[in-house]
Amino acid sequence: MYLTNPAKAKGFFPDIIQVLGKYDLQHYLMAYAKHGTFPSKTEWKRIVKTSIHDQVETNWRTRVNNDCELRRYLVIHPQY
């Protein structure tokens, strides 16, 4: 289910695959395609929110730790 050149692909499914890949959720789509199983709506919402939050916090922490001007900000605001 991997696209050879996802940058050129257009449409609903390539967009979905790109977003799932960005937040490391593509294995849920693969499990659905193989086994027909998918989390419930409530569980899926929790999984997506957690995954997005983790990704955003990781990116924030990386940026703050790698930019000497922003390191002081960690003292004032230690969490995202």
PDB file of N, CA and C in Angstrom:
ATOM      1  N   MET A   1       0.812  -1.177   0.000  1.00  0.00           N
ATOM      2  CA  MET A   1       0.000   0.000   0.000  1.00  0.00           C
ATOM      3  C   MET A   1       0.865   1.254   0.000  1.00  0.00           C
ATOM      4  N   TYR A   2       2.132   1.117  -0.227  1.00  0.00           N
ATOM      5  CA  TYR A   2       3.003   2.274  -0.243  1.00  0.00           C
ATOM      6  C   TYR A   2       3.045   2.851  -1.648  1.00  0.00           C
ATOM      7  N   LEU A   3       2.991   4.139  -1.722  1.00  0.00           N
ATOM      8  CA  LEU A   3       3.017   4.824  -3.005  1.00  0.00           C
ATOM      9  C   LEU A   3       4.455   5.000  -3.456  1.00  0.00           C
ATOM     10  N   THR A   4       4.699   4.833  -4.760  1.00  0.00           N
ATOM     11  CA  THR A   4       6.047   4.991  -5.264  1.00  0.00           C
ATOM     12  C   THR A   4       6.517   6.436  -5.187  1.00  0.00           C
ATOM     13  N   ASN A   5       5.615   7.369  -5.477  1.00  0.00           N
ATOM     14  CA  ASN A   5       5.962   8.780  -5.379  1.00  0.00           C
ATOM     15  C   ASN A   5       4.763   9.526  -4.793  1.00  0.00           C
ATOM     16  N   PRO A   6       4.648   9.534  -3.446  1.00  0.00           N
ATOM     17  CA  PRO A   6       3.486  10.158  -2.827  1.00  0.00           C
ATOM     18  C   PRO A   6       3.348  11.649  -3.099  1.00  0.00           C
ATOM     19  N   ALA A   7       4.427  12.318  -3.474  1.00  0.00           N
ATOM     20  CA  ALA A   7       4.344  13.757  -3.739  1.00  0.00           C
ATOM     21  C   ALA A   7       3.509  14.043  -4.985  1.00  0.00           C
ATOM     22  N   LYS A   8       3.492  13.106  -5.941  1.00  0.00           N
ATOM     23  CA  LYS A   8       2.741  13.311  -7.172  1.00  0.00           C
ATOM     24  C   LYS A   8       1.311  12.792  -7.074  1.00  0.00           C
ATOM     25  N   ALA A   9       1.034  11.936  -6.117  1.00  0.00           N
ATOM     26  CA  ALA A   9      -0.303  11.364  -5.986  1.00  0.00           C
ATOM     27  C   ALA A   9      -1.263  12.424  -5.470  1.00  0.00           C
ATOM     28  N   LYS A  10      -2.454  12.423  -6.028  1.00  0.00           N
ATOM     29  CA  LYS A  10      -3.460  13.394  -5.617  1.00  0.00           C
ATOM     30  C   LYS A  10      -4.750  12.662  -5.295  1.00  0.00           C
ATOM     31  N   GLY A  11      -5.503  13.216  -4.377  1.00  0.00           N
ATOM     32  CA  GLY A  11      -6.793  12.633  -4.063  1.00  0.00           C
ATOM     33  C   GLY A  11      -6.941  12.331  -2.589  1.00  0.00           C
ATOM     34  N   PHE A  12      -8.097  11.767  -2.265  1.00  0.00           N
ATOM     35  CA  PHE A  12      -8.470  11.514  -0.880  1.00  0.00           C
ATOM     36  C   PHE A  12      -7.552  10.481  -0.215  1.00  0.00           C
ATOM     37  N   PHE A  13      -7.368   9.328  -0.839  1.00  0.00           N
ATOM     38  CA  PHE A  13      -6.588   8.268  -0.207  1.00  0.00           C
ATOM     39  C   PHE A  13      -5.105   8.618  -0.051  1.00  0.00           C
ATOM     40  N   PRO A  14      -4.464   9.197  -1.035  1.00  0.00           N
ATOM     41  CA  PRO A  14      -3.073   9.623  -0.808  1.00  0.00           C
ATOM     42  C   PRO A  14      -2.945  10.643   0.325  1.00  0.00           C
ATOM     43  N   ASP A  15      -3.935  11.537   0.438  1.00  0.00           N
ATOM     44  CA  ASP A  15      -3.921  12.508   1.542  1.00  0.00           C
ATOM     45  C   ASP A  15      -4.040  11.799   2.886  1.00  0.00           C
ATOM     46  N   ILE A  16      -4.943  10.829   2.959  1.00  0.00           N
ATOM     47  CA  ILE A  16      -5.133  10.073   4.199  1.00  0.00           C
ATOM     48  C   ILE A  16      -3.861   9.319   4.559  1.00  0.00           C
ATOM     49  N   ILE A  17      -3.256   8.667   3.583  1.00  0.00           N
ATOM     50  CA  ILE A  17      -2.026   7.905   3.825  1.00  0.00           C
ATOM     51  C   ILE A  17      -0.912   8.831   4.289  1.00  0.00           C
ATOM     52  N   GLN A  18      -0.832  10.014   3.702  1.00  0.00           N
ATOM     53  CA  GLN A  18       0.197  10.976   4.097  1.00  0.00           C
ATOM     54  C   GLN A  18       0.001  11.421   5.551  1.00  0.00           C
ATOM     55  N   VAL A  19      -1.224  11.720   5.935  1.00  0.00           N
ATOM     56  CA  VAL A  19      -1.500  12.162   7.312  1.00  0.00           C
ATOM     57  C   VAL A  19      -1.243  11.021   8.291  1.00  0.00           C
ATOM     58  N   LEU A  20      -1.684   9.818   7.956  1.00  0.00           N
ATOM     59  CA  LEU A  20      -1.438   8.674   8.833  1.00  0.00           C
ATOM     60  C   LEU A  20       0.052   8.431   8.994  1.00  0.00           C
ATOM     61  N   GLY A  21       0.812   8.580   7.921  1.00  0.00           N
ATOM     62  CA  GLY A  21       2.263   8.408   8.002  1.00  0.00           C
ATOM     63  C   GLY A  21       2.926   9.471   8.845  1.00  0.00           C
ATOM     64  N   LYS A  22       2.436  10.695   8.741  1.00  0.00           N
ATOM     65  CA  LYS A  22       3.010  11.805   9.511  1.00  0.00           C
ATOM     66  C   LYS A  22       2.936  11.542  11.011  1.00  0.00           C
ATOM     67  N   TYR A  23       1.835  10.934  11.439  1.00  0.00           N
ATOM     68  CA  TYR A  23       1.644  10.687  12.865  1.00  0.00           C
ATOM     69  C   TYR A  23       1.836   9.220  13.240  1.00  0.00           C
ATOM     70  N   ASP A  24       2.459   8.453  12.351  1.00  0.00           N
ATOM     71  CA  ASP A  24       2.788   7.043  12.592  1.00  0.00           C
ATOM     72  C   ASP A  24       1.545   6.219  12.942  1.00  0.00           C
ATOM     73  N   LEU A  25       0.497   6.387  12.165  1.00  0.00           N
ATOM     74  CA  LEU A  25      -0.760   5.670  12.384  1.00  0.00           C
ATOM     75  C   LEU A  25      -1.124   4.755  11.213  1.00  0.00           C
ATOM     76  N   GLN A  26      -0.239   4.641  10.223  1.00  0.00           N
ATOM     77  CA  GLN A  26      -0.561   3.874   9.032  1.00  0.00           C
ATOM     78  C   GLN A  26      -0.771   2.391   9.315  1.00  0.00           C
ATOM     79  N   HIS A  27      -0.224   1.875  10.409  1.00  0.00           N
ATOM     80  CA  HIS A  27      -0.409   0.456  10.720  1.00  0.00           C
ATOM     81  C   HIS A  27      -1.877   0.133  11.034  1.00  0.00           C
ATOM     82  N   TYR A  28      -2.647   1.120  11.468  1.00  0.00           N
ATOM     83  CA  TYR A  28      -4.083   0.884  11.693  1.00  0.00           C
ATOM     84  C   TYR A  28      -4.805   0.668  10.366  1.00  0.00           C
ATOM     85  N   LEU A  29      -4.418   1.425   9.342  1.00  0.00           N
ATOM     86  CA  LEU A  29      -5.005   1.233   8.018  1.00  0.00           C
ATOM     87  C   LEU A  29      -4.611  -0.128   7.454  1.00  0.00           C
ATOM     88  N   MET A  30      -3.357  -0.515   7.649  1.00  0.00           N
ATOM     89  CA  MET A  30      -2.896  -1.815   7.166  1.00  0.00           C
ATOM     90  C   MET A  30      -3.628  -2.958   7.880  1.00  0.00           C
ATOM     91  N   ALA A  31      -3.831  -2.832   9.181  1.00  0.00           N
ATOM     92  CA  ALA A  31      -4.558  -3.858   9.929  1.00  0.00           C
ATOM     93  C   ALA A  31      -6.002  -3.941   9.456  1.00  0.00           C
ATOM     94  N   TYR A  32      -6.585  -2.801   9.148  1.00  0.00           N
ATOM     95  CA  TYR A  32      -7.955  -2.789   8.636  1.00  0.00           C
ATOM     96  C   TYR A  32      -8.025  -3.461   7.264  1.00  0.00           C
ATOM     97  N   ALA A  33      -7.046  -3.177   6.418  1.00  0.00           N
ATOM     98  CA  ALA A  33      -7.029  -3.782   5.085  1.00  0.00           C
ATOM     99  C   ALA A  33      -6.801  -5.290   5.156  1.00  0.00           C
ATOM    100  N   LYS A  34      -5.954  -5.744   6.066  1.00  0.00           N
ATOM    101  CA  LYS A  34      -5.637  -7.174   6.168  1.00  0.00           C
ATOM    102  C   LYS A  34      -6.696  -7.963   6.926  1.00  0.00           C
ATOM    103  N   HIS A  35      -7.143  -7.422   8.066  1.00  0.00           N
ATOM    104  CA  HIS A  35      -7.987  -8.196   8.974  1.00  0.00           C
ATOM    105  C   HIS A  35      -9.400  -7.653   9.131  1.00  0.00           C
ATOM    106  N   GLY A  36      -9.639  -6.451   8.648  1.00  0.00           N
ATOM    107  CA  GLY A  36     -10.957  -5.854   8.790  1.00  0.00           C
ATOM    108  C   GLY A  36     -11.245  -5.352  10.195  1.00  0.00           C
ATOM    109  N   THR A  37     -10.188  -5.161  10.990  1.00  0.00           N
ATOM    110  CA  THR A  37     -10.372  -4.668  12.357  1.00  0.00           C
ATOM    111  C   THR A  37      -9.928  -3.216  12.432  1.00  0.00           C
ATOM    112  N   PHE A  38     -10.680  -2.461  13.216  1.00  0.00           N
ATOM    113  CA  PHE A  38     -10.360  -1.052  13.406  1.00  0.00           C
ATOM    114  C   PHE A  38     -10.870  -0.666  14.786  1.00  0.00           C
ATOM    115  N   PRO A  39     -10.173   0.233  15.476  1.00  0.00           N
ATOM    116  CA  PRO A  39     -10.630   0.653  16.807  1.00  0.00           C
ATOM    117  C   PRO A  39     -12.006   1.312  16.746  1.00  0.00           C
ATOM    118  N   SER A  40     -12.686   1.299  17.879  1.00  0.00           N
ATOM    119  CA  SER A  40     -13.974   1.986  17.960  1.00  0.00           C
ATOM    120  C   SER A  40     -13.755   3.486  17.776  1.00  0.00           C
ATOM    121  N   LYS A  41     -14.826   4.209  17.547  1.00  0.00           N
ATOM    122  CA  LYS A  41     -14.723   5.658  17.315  1.00  0.00           C
ATOM    123  C   LYS A  41     -14.068   6.361  18.503  1.00  0.00           C
ATOM    124  N   THR A  42     -14.500   6.011  19.711  1.00  0.00           N
ATOM    125  CA  THR A  42     -13.945   6.634  20.918  1.00  0.00           C
ATOM    126  C   THR A  42     -12.466   6.309  21.072  1.00  0.00           C
ATOM    127  N   GLU A  43     -12.110   5.047  20.860  1.00  0.00           N
ATOM    128  CA  GLU A  43     -10.716   4.640  20.985  1.00  0.00           C
ATOM    129  C   GLU A  43      -9.860   5.295  19.894  1.00  0.00           C
ATOM    130  N   TRP A  44     -10.398   5.360  18.666  1.00  0.00           N
ATOM    131  CA  TRP A  44      -9.665   5.978  17.565  1.00  0.00           C
ATOM    132  C   TRP A  44      -9.396   7.452  17.846  1.00  0.00           C
ATOM    133  N   LYS A  45     -10.385   8.166  18.372  1.00  0.00           N
ATOM    134  CA  LYS A  45     -10.194   9.574  18.710  1.00  0.00           C
ATOM    135  C   LYS A  45      -9.096   9.740  19.759  1.00  0.00           C
ATOM    136  N   ARG A  46      -9.071   8.855  20.744  1.00  0.00           N
ATOM    137  CA  ARG A  46      -8.041   8.904  21.777  1.00  0.00           C
ATOM    138  C   ARG A  46      -6.662   8.619  21.183  1.00  0.00           C
ATOM    139  N   ILE A  47      -6.584   7.611  20.317  1.00  0.00           N
ATOM    140  CA  ILE A  47      -5.317   7.250  19.677  1.00  0.00           C
ATOM    141  C   ILE A  47      -4.789   8.418  18.847  1.00  0.00           C
ATOM    142  N   VAL A  48      -5.664   9.033  18.057  1.00  0.00           N
ATOM    143  CA  VAL A  48      -5.252  10.145  17.187  1.00  0.00           C
ATOM    144  C   VAL A  48      -4.809  11.343  18.020  1.00  0.00           C
ATOM    145  N   LYS A  49      -5.596  11.709  19.024  1.00  0.00           N
ATOM    146  CA  LYS A  49      -5.226  12.849  19.871  1.00  0.00           C
ATOM    147  C   LYS A  49      -3.896  12.621  20.564  1.00  0.00           C
ATOM    148  N   THR A  50      -3.687  11.409  21.084  1.00  0.00           N
ATOM    149  CA  THR A  50      -2.433  11.085  21.761  1.00  0.00           C
ATOM    150  C   THR A  50      -1.260  11.137  20.795  1.00  0.00           C
ATOM    151  N   SER A  51      -1.436  10.569  19.619  1.00  0.00           N
ATOM    152  CA  SER A  51      -0.368  10.545  18.630  1.00  0.00           C
ATOM    153  C   SER A  51       0.006  11.953  18.168  1.00  0.00           C
ATOM    154  N   ILE A  52      -0.987  12.778  17.901  1.00  0.00           N
ATOM    155  CA  ILE A  52      -0.721  14.153  17.476  1.00  0.00           C
ATOM    156  C   ILE A  52      -0.036  14.930  18.595  1.00  0.00           C
ATOM    157  N   HIS A  53      -0.525  14.792  19.813  1.00  0.00           N
ATOM    158  CA  HIS A  53       0.091  15.485  20.948  1.00  0.00           C
ATOM    159  C   HIS A  53       1.537  15.059  21.127  1.00  0.00           C
ATOM    160  N   ASP A  54       1.808  13.753  21.049  1.00  0.00           N
ATOM    161  CA  ASP A  54       3.177  13.260  21.208  1.00  0.00           C
ATOM    162  C   ASP A  54       4.095  13.808  20.119  1.00  0.00           C
ATOM    163  N   GLN A  55       3.605  13.830  18.876  1.00  0.00           N
ATOM    164  CA  GLN A  55       4.402  14.332  17.755  1.00  0.00           C
ATOM    165  C   GLN A  55       4.689  15.828  17.922  1.00  0.00           C
ATOM    166  N   VAL A  56       3.686  16.593  18.287  1.00  0.00           N
ATOM    167  CA  VAL A  56       3.858  18.038  18.459  1.00  0.00           C
ATOM    168  C   VAL A  56       4.815  18.317  19.618  1.00  0.00           C
ATOM    169  N   GLU A  57       4.657  17.591  20.715  1.00  0.00           N
ATOM    170  CA  GLU A  57       5.545  17.810  21.863  1.00  0.00           C
ATOM    171  C   GLU A  57       6.984  17.428  21.535  1.00  0.00           C
ATOM    172  N   THR A  58       7.176  16.345  20.812  1.00  0.00           N
ATOM    173  CA  THR A  58       8.531  15.937  20.410  1.00  0.00           C
ATOM    174  C   THR A  58       9.166  16.998  19.521  1.00  0.00           C
ATOM    175  N   ASN A  59       8.404  17.492  18.547  1.00  0.00           N
ATOM    176  CA  ASN A  59       8.931  18.548  17.673  1.00  0.00           C
ATOM    177  C   ASN A  59       9.247  19.814  18.460  1.00  0.00           C
ATOM    178  N   TRP A  60       8.375  20.185  19.394  1.00  0.00           N
ATOM    179  CA  TRP A  60       8.593  21.375  20.220  1.00  0.00           C
ATOM    180  C   TRP A  60       9.856  21.216  21.067  1.00  0.00           C
ATOM    181  N   ARG A  61       9.970  20.056  21.726  1.00  0.00           N
ATOM    182  CA  ARG A  61      11.120  19.817  22.593  1.00  0.00           C
ATOM    183  C   ARG A  61      12.425  19.823  21.795  1.00  0.00           C
ATOM    184  N   THR A  62      12.411  19.217  20.621  1.00  0.00           N
ATOM    185  CA  THR A  62      13.599  19.209  19.764  1.00  0.00           C
ATOM    186  C   THR A  62      13.987  20.627  19.374  1.00  0.00           C
ATOM    187  N   ARG A  63      13.006  21.404  18.977  1.00  0.00           N
ATOM    188  CA  ARG A  63      13.291  22.783  18.558  1.00  0.00           C
ATOM    189  C   ARG A  63      13.821  23.616  19.718  1.00  0.00           C
ATOM    190  N   VAL A  64      13.196  23.499  20.878  1.00  0.00           N
ATOM    191  CA  VAL A  64      13.612  24.296  22.038  1.00  0.00           C
ATOM    192  C   VAL A  64      15.009  23.884  22.500  1.00  0.00           C
ATOM    193  N   ASN A  65      15.295  22.587  22.478  1.00  0.00           N
ATOM    194  CA  ASN A  65      16.609  22.124  22.926  1.00  0.00           C
ATOM    195  C   ASN A  65      17.723  22.449  21.935  1.00  0.00           C
ATOM    196  N   ASN A  66      17.402  22.562  20.667  1.00  0.00           N
ATOM    197  CA  ASN A  66      18.426  22.819  19.654  1.00  0.00           C
ATOM    198  C   ASN A  66      18.644  24.299  19.359  1.00  0.00           C
ATOM    199  N   ASP A  67      17.805  25.154  19.867  1.00  0.00           N
ATOM    200  CA  ASP A  67      17.940  26.594  19.620  1.00  0.00           C
ATOM    201  C   ASP A  67      18.357  27.266  20.927  1.00  0.00           C
ATOM    202  N   CYS A  68      19.591  27.778  20.964  1.00  0.00           N
ATOM    203  CA  CYS A  68      20.096  28.354  22.216  1.00  0.00           C
ATOM    204  C   CYS A  68      19.269  29.544  22.689  1.00  0.00           C
ATOM    205  N   GLU A  69      18.624  30.263  21.769  1.00  0.00           N
ATOM    206  CA  GLU A  69      17.787  31.382  22.185  1.00  0.00           C
ATOM    207  C   GLU A  69      16.504  30.910  22.864  1.00  0.00           C
ATOM    208  N   LEU A  70      16.069  29.723  22.546  1.00  0.00           N
ATOM    209  CA  LEU A  70      14.836  29.210  23.132  1.00  0.00           C
ATOM    210  C   LEU A  70      15.057  28.376  24.400  1.00  0.00           C
ATOM    211  N   ARG A  71      16.283  28.032  24.709  1.00  0.00           N
ATOM    212  CA  ARG A  71      16.546  27.207  25.898  1.00  0.00           C
ATOM    213  C   ARG A  71      16.094  27.884  27.183  1.00  0.00           C
ATOM    214  N   ARG A  72      16.210  29.196  27.248  1.00  0.00           N
ATOM    215  CA  ARG A  72      15.743  29.917  28.437  1.00  0.00           C
ATOM    216  C   ARG A  72      14.244  29.749  28.626  1.00  0.00           C
ATOM    217  N   TYR A  73      13.555  29.596  27.529  1.00  0.00           N
ATOM    218  CA  TYR A  73      12.101  29.413  27.577  1.00  0.00           C
ATOM    219  C   TYR A  73      11.733  28.155  28.352  1.00  0.00           C
ATOM    220  N   LEU A  74      12.583  27.140  28.316  1.00  0.00           N
ATOM    221  CA  LEU A  74      12.319  25.901  29.055  1.00  0.00           C
ATOM    222  C   LEU A  74      12.230  26.131  30.560  1.00  0.00           C
ATOM    223  N   VAL A  75      12.961  27.124  31.049  1.00  0.00           N
ATOM    224  CA  VAL A  75      12.897  27.438  32.480  1.00  0.00           C
ATOM    225  C   VAL A  75      11.517  27.975  32.856  1.00  0.00           C
ATOM    226  N   ILE A  76      11.003  28.824  32.008  1.00  0.00           N
ATOM    227  CA  ILE A  76       9.684  29.430  32.246  1.00  0.00           C
ATOM    228  C   ILE A  76       8.556  28.468  31.906  1.00  0.00           C
ATOM    229  N   HIS A  77       8.726  27.755  30.820  1.00  0.00           N
ATOM    230  CA  HIS A  77       7.665  26.887  30.299  1.00  0.00           C
ATOM    231  C   HIS A  77       8.248  25.500  29.999  1.00  0.00           C
ATOM    232  N   PRO A  78       8.394  24.644  31.032  1.00  0.00           N
ATOM    233  CA  PRO A  78       9.082  23.358  30.846  1.00  0.00           C
ATOM    234  C   PRO A  78       8.300  22.315  30.059  1.00  0.00           C
ATOM    235  N   GLN A  79       6.996  22.498  29.912  1.00  0.00           N
ATOM    236  CA  GLN A  79       6.199  21.537  29.147  1.00  0.00           C
ATOM    237  C   GLN A  79       5.462  22.249  28.038  1.00  0.00           C
ATOM    238  N   TYR A  80       5.147  21.487  26.991  1.00  0.00           N
ATOM    239  CA  TYR A  80       4.440  22.045  25.845  1.00  0.00           C
ATOM    240  C   TYR A  80       3.062  22.497  26.265  1.00  0.00           C
TER     241      TYR A  80
END
